[in-house]
């Protein structure tokens, strides 16, 4: 039998047996209720811009 059949078939077989999620992976109802978000505030995209002028090279 080809070894590639085991490489492909074994993970599929093992993955099909683990179809249910354990309780610690499933989201709790407290986390789903209402996520709190920061209020949106406008910030200019060029607020931190500093003009730079070309200079001559130093010796």
Protein backbone atom coordinates (compact mmCIF):
# COMPACT_ATOMS: atom_id res chain seq x y z
CA UNK A 1 0.00 0.00 0.00
CA UNK A 2 1.22 3.49 -0.72
CA UNK A 3 2.57 5.48 2.25
CA UNK A 4 0.85 8.62 0.92
CA UNK A 5 -2.51 6.95 1.65
CA UNK A 6 -1.61 6.86 5.33
CA UNK A 7 -0.38 10.45 5.26
CA UNK A 8 -3.73 11.63 3.85
CA UNK A 9 -6.11 9.07 5.35
CA UNK A 10 -4.95 8.98 8.97
CA UNK A 11 -5.51 12.71 9.70
CA UNK A 12 -8.94 12.50 8.05
CA UNK A 13 -9.89 9.49 10.15
CA UNK A 14 -8.65 11.05 13.40
CA UNK A 15 -10.26 14.40 12.58
CA UNK A 16 -13.63 12.85 11.96
CA UNK A 17 -13.63 11.27 15.43
CA UNK A 18 -13.11 14.64 17.14
CA UNK A 19 -16.23 16.36 15.85
CA UNK A 20 -17.43 17.97 19.12
CA UNK A 21 -15.70 20.85 20.85
CA UNK A 22 -14.80 20.63 24.54
CA UNK A 23 -16.66 23.08 26.83
CA UNK A 24 -13.60 25.30 27.42
CA UNK A 25 -13.34 26.07 23.68
CA UNK A 26 -16.99 27.07 23.18
CA UNK A 27 -17.70 30.76 23.83
CA UNK A 28 -19.35 31.55 27.13
CA UNK A 29 -22.59 33.60 27.19
CA UNK A 30 -20.88 36.34 29.25
CA UNK A 31 -18.41 37.01 26.45
CA UNK A 32 -21.12 37.26 23.80
CA UNK A 33 -23.38 39.78 25.60
CA UNK A 34 -22.10 43.29 24.82
CA UNK A 35 -18.49 44.01 23.99
CA UNK A 36 -17.44 47.46 25.13
CA UNK A 37 -15.71 49.58 22.52
CA UNK A 38 -13.88 52.87 22.74
CA UNK A 39 -15.85 55.82 21.42
CA UNK A 40 -14.74 56.82 17.95
CA UNK A 41 -12.83 60.09 17.70
CA UNK A 42 -11.49 61.80 14.61
CA UNK A 43 -7.72 61.89 14.26
CA UNK A 44 -6.13 63.49 11.23
CA UNK A 45 -3.96 61.10 9.22
CA UNK A 46 -1.25 63.76 8.88
CA UNK A 47 -1.29 64.91 12.53
CA UNK A 48 2.24 63.62 13.27
CA UNK A 49 3.83 64.90 10.05
CA UNK A 50 7.09 66.86 10.39
CA UNK A 51 8.44 68.77 7.40
CA UNK A 52 11.97 67.84 6.41
CA UNK A 53 14.12 69.87 4.09
CA UNK A 54 17.05 68.44 2.14
CA UNK A 55 20.48 69.37 3.50
CA UNK A 56 24.00 69.14 2.14
CA UNK A 57 26.10 66.12 3.14
CA UNK A 58 28.41 66.56 6.10
CA UNK A 59 32.16 66.05 5.68
